[in-house]
N, C-alpha and C. Protein backbone atom coordinates (compact mmCIF):
# COMPACT_ATOMS: atom_id res chain seq x y z
N UNK A 1 0.85 -1.18 0.00
CA UNK A 1 0.00 0.00 0.00
C UNK A 1 0.88 1.23 0.00
N UNK A 2 0.37 2.28 -0.60
CA UNK A 2 1.11 3.54 -0.67
C UNK A 2 1.19 4.18 0.72
N UNK A 3 2.14 5.07 0.88
CA UNK A 3 2.27 5.79 2.13
C UNK A 3 1.60 7.15 2.01
N UNK A 4 0.76 7.45 2.99
CA UNK A 4 0.06 8.73 3.02
C UNK A 4 0.37 9.43 4.35
N UNK A 5 0.21 10.73 4.32
CA UNK A 5 0.41 11.55 5.52
C UNK A 5 -0.95 11.87 6.14
N UNK A 6 -0.99 12.03 7.45
CA UNK A 6 -2.22 12.44 8.12
C UNK A 6 -2.58 13.85 7.62
N UNK A 7 -3.83 14.03 7.23
CA UNK A 7 -4.30 15.31 6.71
C UNK A 7 -4.20 15.42 5.19
N UNK A 8 -3.50 14.48 4.55
CA UNK A 8 -3.36 14.51 3.08
C UNK A 8 -4.69 14.21 2.40
N UNK A 9 -4.95 14.94 1.33
CA UNK A 9 -6.13 14.67 0.50
C UNK A 9 -5.71 13.68 -0.57
N UNK A 10 -6.43 12.56 -0.63
CA UNK A 10 -6.20 11.55 -1.66
C UNK A 10 -7.51 11.33 -2.40
N UNK A 11 -7.48 10.49 -3.43
CA UNK A 11 -8.67 10.27 -4.25
C UNK A 11 -9.00 8.79 -4.30
N UNK A 12 -10.28 8.49 -4.11
CA UNK A 12 -10.76 7.12 -4.17
C UNK A 12 -11.64 6.96 -5.42
N UNK A 13 -11.32 5.95 -6.20
CA UNK A 13 -12.11 5.63 -7.39
C UNK A 13 -12.98 4.43 -7.06
N UNK A 14 -14.29 4.65 -7.12
CA UNK A 14 -15.23 3.58 -6.82
C UNK A 14 -15.19 2.55 -7.93
N UNK A 15 -15.09 1.28 -7.57
CA UNK A 15 -15.08 0.20 -8.56
C UNK A 15 -16.50 -0.17 -8.97
N UNK A 16 -17.48 0.26 -8.19
CA UNK A 16 -18.87 -0.07 -8.48
C UNK A 16 -19.56 1.04 -9.28
N UNK A 17 -19.42 2.28 -8.81
CA UNK A 17 -20.16 3.39 -9.41
C UNK A 17 -19.32 4.20 -10.40
N UNK A 18 -18.03 3.90 -10.48
CA UNK A 18 -17.12 4.64 -11.34
C UNK A 18 -17.16 6.14 -11.06
N UNK A 19 -17.12 6.46 -9.77
CA UNK A 19 -17.04 7.85 -9.33
C UNK A 19 -15.69 8.05 -8.64
N UNK A 20 -15.23 9.29 -8.65
CA UNK A 20 -13.97 9.63 -8.01
C UNK A 20 -14.26 10.57 -6.84
N UNK A 21 -13.76 10.22 -5.65
CA UNK A 21 -14.06 10.98 -4.45
C UNK A 21 -12.77 11.51 -3.82
N UNK A 22 -12.74 12.80 -3.48
CA UNK A 22 -11.62 13.29 -2.67
C UNK A 22 -11.89 12.94 -1.21
N UNK A 23 -10.87 12.43 -0.53
CA UNK A 23 -11.01 12.08 0.88
C UNK A 23 -9.77 12.57 1.62
N UNK A 24 -9.91 12.71 2.95
CA UNK A 24 -8.79 13.17 3.76
C UNK A 24 -8.35 12.04 4.69
N UNK A 25 -7.03 11.81 4.74
CA UNK A 25 -6.48 10.79 5.63
C UNK A 25 -6.53 11.34 7.05
N UNK A 26 -7.20 10.59 7.96
CA UNK A 26 -7.32 11.07 9.34
C UNK A 26 -6.63 10.16 10.36
N UNK A 27 -6.22 8.97 9.90
CA UNK A 27 -5.58 8.05 10.85
C UNK A 27 -4.74 7.03 10.10
N UNK A 28 -3.61 6.65 10.70
CA UNK A 28 -2.75 5.60 10.16
C UNK A 28 -2.54 4.57 11.25
N UNK A 29 -2.73 3.29 10.91
CA UNK A 29 -2.54 2.21 11.87
C UNK A 29 -1.55 1.22 11.29
N UNK A 30 -0.52 0.89 12.08
CA UNK A 30 0.47 -0.10 11.66
C UNK A 30 0.37 -1.27 12.62
N UNK A 31 0.15 -2.45 12.07
CA UNK A 31 0.04 -3.67 12.87
C UNK A 31 1.20 -4.57 12.52
N UNK A 32 1.97 -4.97 13.54
CA UNK A 32 3.09 -5.87 13.33
C UNK A 32 2.73 -7.22 13.93
N UNK A 33 3.02 -8.28 13.14
CA UNK A 33 2.73 -9.63 13.60
C UNK A 33 3.81 -10.56 13.06
N UNK A 34 3.66 -11.84 13.37
CA UNK A 34 4.60 -12.83 12.84
C UNK A 34 4.53 -12.90 11.32
N UNK A 35 3.43 -12.50 10.74
CA UNK A 35 3.24 -12.57 9.29
C UNK A 35 3.71 -11.30 8.59
N UNK A 36 4.17 -10.35 9.34
CA UNK A 36 4.67 -9.13 8.72
C UNK A 36 3.98 -7.89 9.26
N UNK A 37 4.18 -6.81 8.54
CA UNK A 37 3.64 -5.52 8.94
C UNK A 37 2.49 -5.14 8.01
N UNK A 38 1.41 -4.66 8.61
CA UNK A 38 0.25 -4.25 7.82
C UNK A 38 -0.08 -2.80 8.16
N UNK A 39 -0.26 -2.01 7.09
CA UNK A 39 -0.57 -0.60 7.28
C UNK A 39 -1.98 -0.33 6.78
N UNK A 40 -2.76 0.35 7.61
CA UNK A 40 -4.12 0.73 7.23
C UNK A 40 -4.30 2.22 7.46
N UNK A 41 -5.16 2.79 6.63
CA UNK A 41 -5.49 4.21 6.77
C UNK A 41 -6.99 4.36 6.94
N UNK A 42 -7.35 5.31 7.77
CA UNK A 42 -8.75 5.69 7.90
C UNK A 42 -8.88 7.05 7.23
N UNK A 43 -9.85 7.14 6.30
CA UNK A 43 -10.08 8.38 5.58
C UNK A 43 -11.51 8.82 5.81
N UNK A 44 -11.72 10.13 5.65
CA UNK A 44 -13.09 10.63 5.78
C UNK A 44 -13.50 11.30 4.48
N UNK A 45 -14.71 11.00 4.13
CA UNK A 45 -15.32 11.58 2.94
C UNK A 45 -16.47 12.45 3.42
N UNK A 46 -16.53 13.67 2.93
CA UNK A 46 -17.62 14.56 3.30
C UNK A 46 -18.44 14.86 2.06
N UNK A 47 -19.75 14.61 2.14
CA UNK A 47 -20.61 14.94 1.00
C UNK A 47 -20.96 16.43 1.05
N UNK A 48 -21.79 16.89 0.11
CA UNK A 48 -22.12 18.31 0.01
C UNK A 48 -22.76 18.86 1.29
N UNK A 49 -23.45 18.01 2.02
CA UNK A 49 -24.12 18.47 3.24
C UNK A 49 -23.15 18.57 4.41
N UNK A 50 -21.92 18.08 4.22
CA UNK A 50 -20.93 18.16 5.28
C UNK A 50 -20.89 16.92 6.15
N UNK A 51 -21.80 15.98 5.89
CA UNK A 51 -21.83 14.75 6.66
C UNK A 51 -20.64 13.89 6.27
N UNK A 52 -19.86 13.47 7.26
CA UNK A 52 -18.65 12.70 7.00
C UNK A 52 -18.90 11.20 7.04
N UNK A 53 -18.21 10.49 6.17
CA UNK A 53 -18.27 9.03 6.14
C UNK A 53 -16.84 8.53 6.33
N UNK A 54 -16.69 7.54 7.20
CA UNK A 54 -15.38 6.99 7.50
C UNK A 54 -15.18 5.71 6.69
N UNK A 55 -14.01 5.62 6.04
CA UNK A 55 -13.66 4.44 5.23
C UNK A 55 -12.26 4.00 5.65
N UNK A 56 -12.08 2.68 5.80
CA UNK A 56 -10.77 2.13 6.13
C UNK A 56 -10.15 1.57 4.86
N UNK A 57 -8.90 1.98 4.62
CA UNK A 57 -8.16 1.49 3.45
C UNK A 57 -7.12 0.48 3.91
N UNK A 58 -6.81 -0.52 3.12
CA UNK A 58 -7.32 -0.79 1.79
C UNK A 58 -8.73 -1.39 1.85
N UNK A 59 -9.46 -1.21 0.79
CA UNK A 59 -10.80 -1.77 0.66
C UNK A 59 -10.98 -2.27 -0.77
N UNK A 60 -11.83 -3.26 -0.93
CA UNK A 60 -12.07 -3.82 -2.26
C UNK A 60 -13.00 -2.95 -3.10
N UNK A 61 -13.70 -2.02 -2.47
CA UNK A 61 -14.67 -1.18 -3.19
C UNK A 61 -14.04 0.01 -3.89
N UNK A 62 -12.82 0.38 -3.46
CA UNK A 62 -12.18 1.59 -4.00
C UNK A 62 -10.72 1.32 -4.37
N UNK A 63 -10.25 2.03 -5.36
CA UNK A 63 -8.82 2.12 -5.65
C UNK A 63 -8.38 3.49 -5.15
N UNK A 64 -7.22 3.55 -4.50
CA UNK A 64 -6.77 4.82 -3.92
C UNK A 64 -5.61 5.40 -4.74
N UNK A 65 -5.61 6.73 -4.84
CA UNK A 65 -4.59 7.45 -5.60
C UNK A 65 -4.14 8.67 -4.80
N UNK A 66 -2.84 8.93 -4.85
CA UNK A 66 -2.30 10.05 -4.09
C UNK A 66 -2.54 11.39 -4.77
N UNK A 67 -2.85 11.39 -6.07
CA UNK A 67 -3.12 12.66 -6.75
C UNK A 67 -4.21 12.47 -7.80
N UNK A 68 -4.78 13.59 -8.19
CA UNK A 68 -5.80 13.58 -9.23
C UNK A 68 -5.21 13.10 -10.56
N UNK A 69 -3.96 13.48 -10.83
CA UNK A 69 -3.29 13.05 -12.07
C UNK A 69 -3.13 11.53 -12.12
N UNK A 70 -2.75 10.93 -10.99
CA UNK A 70 -2.62 9.46 -10.94
C UNK A 70 -3.96 8.80 -11.21
N UNK A 71 -5.02 9.33 -10.62
CA UNK A 71 -6.36 8.77 -10.84
C UNK A 71 -6.78 8.93 -12.30
N UNK A 72 -6.52 10.10 -12.87
CA UNK A 72 -6.87 10.36 -14.27
C UNK A 72 -6.13 9.39 -15.19
N UNK A 73 -4.83 9.24 -14.97
CA UNK A 73 -4.02 8.34 -15.80
C UNK A 73 -4.54 6.90 -15.72
N UNK A 74 -4.88 6.47 -14.51
CA UNK A 74 -5.44 5.13 -14.32
C UNK A 74 -6.74 4.95 -15.10
N UNK A 75 -7.62 5.96 -15.03
CA UNK A 75 -8.90 5.86 -15.74
C UNK A 75 -8.70 5.87 -17.25
N UNK A 76 -7.76 6.67 -17.75
CA UNK A 76 -7.49 6.72 -19.19
C UNK A 76 -6.94 5.37 -19.67
N UNK A 77 -6.03 4.79 -18.90
CA UNK A 77 -5.48 3.48 -19.27
C UNK A 77 -6.58 2.43 -19.29
N UNK A 78 -7.45 2.43 -18.27
CA UNK A 78 -8.54 1.46 -18.23
C UNK A 78 -9.53 1.68 -19.37
N UNK A 79 -9.85 2.94 -19.66
CA UNK A 79 -10.79 3.24 -20.76
C UNK A 79 -10.18 2.81 -22.09
N UNK A 80 -8.91 3.09 -22.29
CA UNK A 80 -8.23 2.68 -23.52
C UNK A 80 -8.21 1.17 -23.65
N UNK A 81 -7.93 0.47 -22.56
CA UNK A 81 -7.93 -0.99 -22.58
C UNK A 81 -9.32 -1.53 -22.91
N UNK A 82 -10.36 -0.92 -22.35
CA UNK A 82 -11.73 -1.36 -22.63
C UNK A 82 -12.08 -1.12 -24.10
N UNK A 83 -11.68 0.02 -24.64
CA UNK A 83 -11.95 0.33 -26.05
C UNK A 83 -11.21 -0.66 -26.94
N UNK A 84 -9.95 -0.95 -26.61
CA UNK A 84 -9.17 -1.92 -27.40
C UNK A 84 -9.81 -3.29 -27.35
N UNK A 85 -10.32 -3.68 -26.18
CA UNK A 85 -10.98 -4.97 -26.03
C UNK A 85 -12.23 -5.04 -26.90
N UNK A 86 -13.01 -3.97 -26.93
CA UNK A 86 -14.21 -3.91 -27.76
C UNK A 86 -13.85 -3.99 -29.24
N UNK A 87 -12.81 -3.25 -29.64
CA UNK A 87 -12.37 -3.27 -31.05
C UNK A 87 -11.84 -4.64 -31.44
N UNK A 88 -11.07 -5.27 -30.56
CA UNK A 88 -10.54 -6.60 -30.84
C UNK A 88 -11.67 -7.61 -30.96
N UNK A 89 -12.67 -7.49 -30.10
CA UNK A 89 -13.83 -8.37 -30.17
C UNK A 89 -14.56 -8.20 -31.49
N UNK A 90 -14.73 -6.95 -31.93
CA UNK A 90 -15.39 -6.69 -33.22
C UNK A 90 -14.57 -7.24 -34.38
N UNK A 91 -13.25 -7.12 -34.30
CA UNK A 91 -12.38 -7.65 -35.35
C UNK A 91 -12.47 -9.17 -35.42
N UNK A 92 -12.44 -9.83 -34.26
CA UNK A 92 -12.56 -11.29 -34.24
C UNK A 92 -13.92 -11.73 -34.78
N UNK A 93 -14.96 -10.99 -34.42
CA UNK A 93 -16.31 -11.29 -34.91
C UNK A 93 -16.33 -11.17 -36.43
N UNK A 94 -15.75 -10.08 -36.95
CA UNK A 94 -15.68 -9.87 -38.40
C UNK A 94 -14.96 -11.02 -39.08
N UNK A 95 -13.80 -11.41 -38.52
CA UNK A 95 -13.02 -12.50 -39.12
C UNK A 95 -13.78 -13.82 -39.07
N UNK A 96 -14.45 -14.09 -37.95
CA UNK A 96 -15.18 -15.35 -37.81
C UNK A 96 -16.43 -15.40 -38.66
N UNK A 97 -17.11 -14.27 -38.81
CA UNK A 97 -18.38 -14.26 -39.53
C UNK A 97 -18.20 -13.99 -41.01
N UNK A 98 -17.47 -12.95 -41.36
CA UNK A 98 -17.39 -12.54 -42.75
C UNK A 98 -16.17 -13.10 -43.47
N UNK A 99 -14.99 -12.93 -42.89
CA UNK A 99 -13.78 -13.38 -43.56
C UNK A 99 -13.72 -14.89 -43.66
N UNK A 100 -14.27 -15.59 -42.68
CA UNK A 100 -14.27 -17.05 -42.69
C UNK A 100 -15.02 -17.57 -43.91
N UNK A 101 -16.15 -16.96 -44.23
CA UNK A 101 -16.94 -17.35 -45.39
C UNK A 101 -16.13 -17.16 -46.66
N UNK A 102 -15.43 -16.02 -46.77
CA UNK A 102 -14.63 -15.75 -47.96
C UNK A 102 -13.51 -16.76 -48.08
N UNK A 103 -12.85 -17.09 -46.96
CA UNK A 103 -11.76 -18.06 -46.99
C UNK A 103 -12.31 -19.43 -47.38
N UNK A 104 -13.46 -19.83 -46.83
CA UNK A 104 -14.04 -21.11 -47.19
C UNK A 104 -14.42 -21.12 -48.67
N UNK A 105 -14.99 -20.03 -49.17
CA UNK A 105 -15.36 -19.96 -50.58
C UNK A 105 -14.13 -20.13 -51.46
N UNK A 106 -13.03 -19.47 -51.10
CA UNK A 106 -11.82 -19.56 -51.90
C UNK A 106 -11.28 -20.98 -51.88
N UNK A 107 -11.25 -21.61 -50.71
CA UNK A 107 -10.72 -22.96 -50.65
C UNK A 107 -11.63 -23.92 -51.41
N UNK A 108 -12.95 -23.73 -51.34
CA UNK A 108 -13.86 -24.56 -52.12
C UNK A 108 -13.66 -24.33 -53.61
N UNK A 109 -13.46 -23.08 -54.00
CA UNK A 109 -13.27 -22.78 -55.41
C UNK A 109 -12.00 -23.42 -55.94
N UNK A 110 -10.92 -23.38 -55.16
CA UNK A 110 -9.67 -23.99 -55.60
C UNK A 110 -9.83 -25.50 -55.75
N UNK A 111 -10.50 -26.14 -54.79
CA UNK A 111 -10.70 -27.58 -54.91
C UNK A 111 -11.65 -27.90 -56.06
N UNK A 112 -12.63 -27.05 -56.30
CA UNK A 112 -13.54 -27.26 -57.43
C UNK A 112 -12.78 -27.17 -58.74
N UNK A 113 -11.85 -26.24 -58.83
CA UNK A 113 -11.04 -26.11 -60.04
C UNK A 113 -10.20 -27.36 -60.26
N UNK A 114 -9.63 -27.91 -59.20
CA UNK A 114 -8.84 -29.14 -59.33
C UNK A 114 -9.70 -30.30 -59.81
N UNK A 115 -10.90 -30.41 -59.26
CA UNK A 115 -11.81 -31.48 -59.69
C UNK A 115 -12.19 -31.28 -61.16
N UNK A 116 -12.50 -30.04 -61.52
CA UNK A 116 -12.88 -29.76 -62.90
C UNK A 116 -11.73 -30.05 -63.85
N UNK A 117 -10.51 -29.75 -63.46
CA UNK A 117 -9.35 -30.02 -64.31
C UNK A 117 -9.16 -31.52 -64.53
N UNK A 118 -9.42 -32.32 -63.50
CA UNK A 118 -9.32 -33.77 -63.65
C UNK A 118 -10.37 -34.27 -64.64
N UNK A 119 -11.58 -33.71 -64.51
CA UNK A 119 -12.66 -34.13 -65.42
C UNK A 119 -12.39 -33.62 -66.83
N UNK A 120 -11.72 -32.50 -66.94
CA UNK A 120 -11.41 -31.91 -68.24
C UNK A 120 -10.57 -32.89 -69.07
N UNK A 121 -9.59 -33.51 -68.44
CA UNK A 121 -8.72 -34.44 -69.14
C UNK A 121 -9.50 -35.64 -69.69
N UNK A 122 -10.52 -36.08 -68.97
CA UNK A 122 -11.32 -37.23 -69.38
C UNK A 122 -12.34 -36.86 -70.46
N UNK A 123 -12.75 -35.58 -70.58
CA UNK A 123 -13.81 -35.18 -71.48
C UNK A 123 -13.33 -34.81 -72.88
N UNK A 124 -12.08 -35.00 -73.21
CA UNK A 124 -11.59 -34.67 -74.54
C UNK A 124 -12.01 -35.79 -75.49
N UNK A 125 -12.76 -35.43 -76.53
CA UNK A 125 -13.20 -36.43 -77.51
C UNK A 125 -12.25 -36.43 -78.70
N UNK A 126 -12.30 -37.49 -79.47
CA UNK A 126 -11.42 -37.57 -80.63
C UNK A 126 -12.00 -36.83 -81.82
N UNK A 127 -13.33 -36.62 -81.85
CA UNK A 127 -13.95 -35.95 -82.98
C UNK A 127 -13.70 -34.44 -82.92
N UNK A 128 -14.07 -33.82 -81.83
CA UNK A 128 -13.91 -32.38 -81.68
C UNK A 128 -13.16 -32.14 -80.37
N UNK A 129 -12.06 -31.48 -80.48
CA UNK A 129 -11.28 -31.17 -79.28
C UNK A 129 -11.92 -29.97 -78.61
N UNK A 130 -12.25 -30.13 -77.34
CA UNK A 130 -12.85 -29.03 -76.59
C UNK A 130 -11.93 -28.63 -75.44
N UNK A 131 -11.97 -27.35 -75.16
CA UNK A 131 -11.21 -26.82 -74.04
C UNK A 131 -12.22 -26.49 -72.95
N UNK A 132 -11.98 -26.98 -71.73
CA UNK A 132 -12.87 -26.69 -70.61
C UNK A 132 -12.25 -25.57 -69.80
N UNK A 133 -12.99 -24.51 -69.66
CA UNK A 133 -12.55 -23.35 -68.88
C UNK A 133 -13.41 -23.28 -67.62
N UNK A 134 -12.80 -22.84 -66.54
CA UNK A 134 -13.57 -22.58 -65.32
C UNK A 134 -13.69 -21.08 -65.14
N UNK A 135 -14.89 -20.67 -64.74
CA UNK A 135 -15.17 -19.26 -64.56
C UNK A 135 -15.71 -19.07 -63.15
N UNK A 136 -15.19 -18.07 -62.46
CA UNK A 136 -15.66 -17.73 -61.12
C UNK A 136 -16.69 -16.63 -61.27
N UNK A 137 -17.96 -16.93 -60.91
CA UNK A 137 -19.03 -15.94 -61.01
C UNK A 137 -19.02 -15.01 -59.81
N UNK A 138 -19.75 -13.90 -59.91
CA UNK A 138 -19.75 -12.87 -58.85
C UNK A 138 -20.20 -13.42 -57.51
N UNK A 139 -21.13 -14.38 -57.51
CA UNK A 139 -21.64 -14.91 -56.24
C UNK A 139 -20.74 -15.99 -55.65
N UNK A 140 -19.58 -16.24 -56.28
CA UNK A 140 -18.64 -17.22 -55.76
C UNK A 140 -18.79 -18.59 -56.38
N UNK A 141 -19.74 -18.78 -57.25
CA UNK A 141 -19.95 -20.06 -57.90
C UNK A 141 -18.88 -20.29 -58.97
N UNK A 142 -18.38 -21.52 -59.03
CA UNK A 142 -17.43 -21.89 -60.08
C UNK A 142 -18.23 -22.60 -61.17
N UNK A 143 -18.12 -22.11 -62.39
CA UNK A 143 -18.84 -22.71 -63.52
C UNK A 143 -17.84 -23.30 -64.48
N UNK A 144 -18.23 -24.43 -65.10
CA UNK A 144 -17.40 -25.08 -66.10
C UNK A 144 -17.99 -24.75 -67.47
N UNK A 145 -17.16 -24.22 -68.35
CA UNK A 145 -17.61 -23.82 -69.69
C UNK A 145 -16.81 -24.61 -70.71
N UNK A 146 -17.51 -25.29 -71.64
CA UNK A 146 -16.85 -26.04 -72.71
C UNK A 146 -16.64 -25.09 -73.88
N UNK A 147 -15.40 -24.91 -74.25
CA UNK A 147 -15.04 -24.02 -75.36
C UNK A 147 -14.44 -24.89 -76.47
N UNK A 148 -15.00 -24.82 -77.67
CA UNK A 148 -14.39 -25.59 -78.76
C UNK A 148 -13.03 -25.01 -79.11
N UNK A 149 -12.10 -25.87 -79.36
CA UNK A 149 -10.77 -25.46 -79.76
C UNK A 149 -10.82 -25.26 -81.27
N UNK A 150 -10.88 -24.02 -81.73
CA UNK A 150 -11.05 -23.72 -83.14
C UNK A 150 -9.88 -24.16 -83.97
N UNK A 151 -8.71 -24.28 -83.35
CA UNK A 151 -7.55 -24.72 -84.11
C UNK A 151 -7.65 -26.19 -84.50
N UNK A 152 -8.41 -26.99 -83.75
CA UNK A 152 -8.55 -28.41 -84.05
C UNK A 152 -9.60 -28.64 -85.13
N UNK A 153 -10.46 -27.66 -85.43
CA UNK A 153 -11.53 -27.86 -86.42
C UNK A 153 -11.02 -27.72 -87.79
């Protein structure tokens, strides 16, 4: 835990309400035991009416900061991380939903071309030599087109 001075104004960021509160350190308690030394602070928060609320730090409900700049930097880092997480999630969604279909279509088209090429070799007649062309249509369909070889006629 950070070290604070009695009377110092620090800032608590609520983890539940996402509010930032200025509080004043009013007490420091150091407990020594076989397990080590533990430092706790008691802070007071005063609302607009002047009514004070006592909070003991550390607490799971608040993150404490020694300055407004430290609190601001922490919030900006967290907001940036949240935005990056949302963008990454959208990118993964795009790749899984849209790009996956395109990749599957391409791999199907390539295998379709290989199958068509194998059949092309078997479909050559001795009377009229035909050339089999494959055409990729706009909707992703692979079509086989028989083209007469005019040089053989």
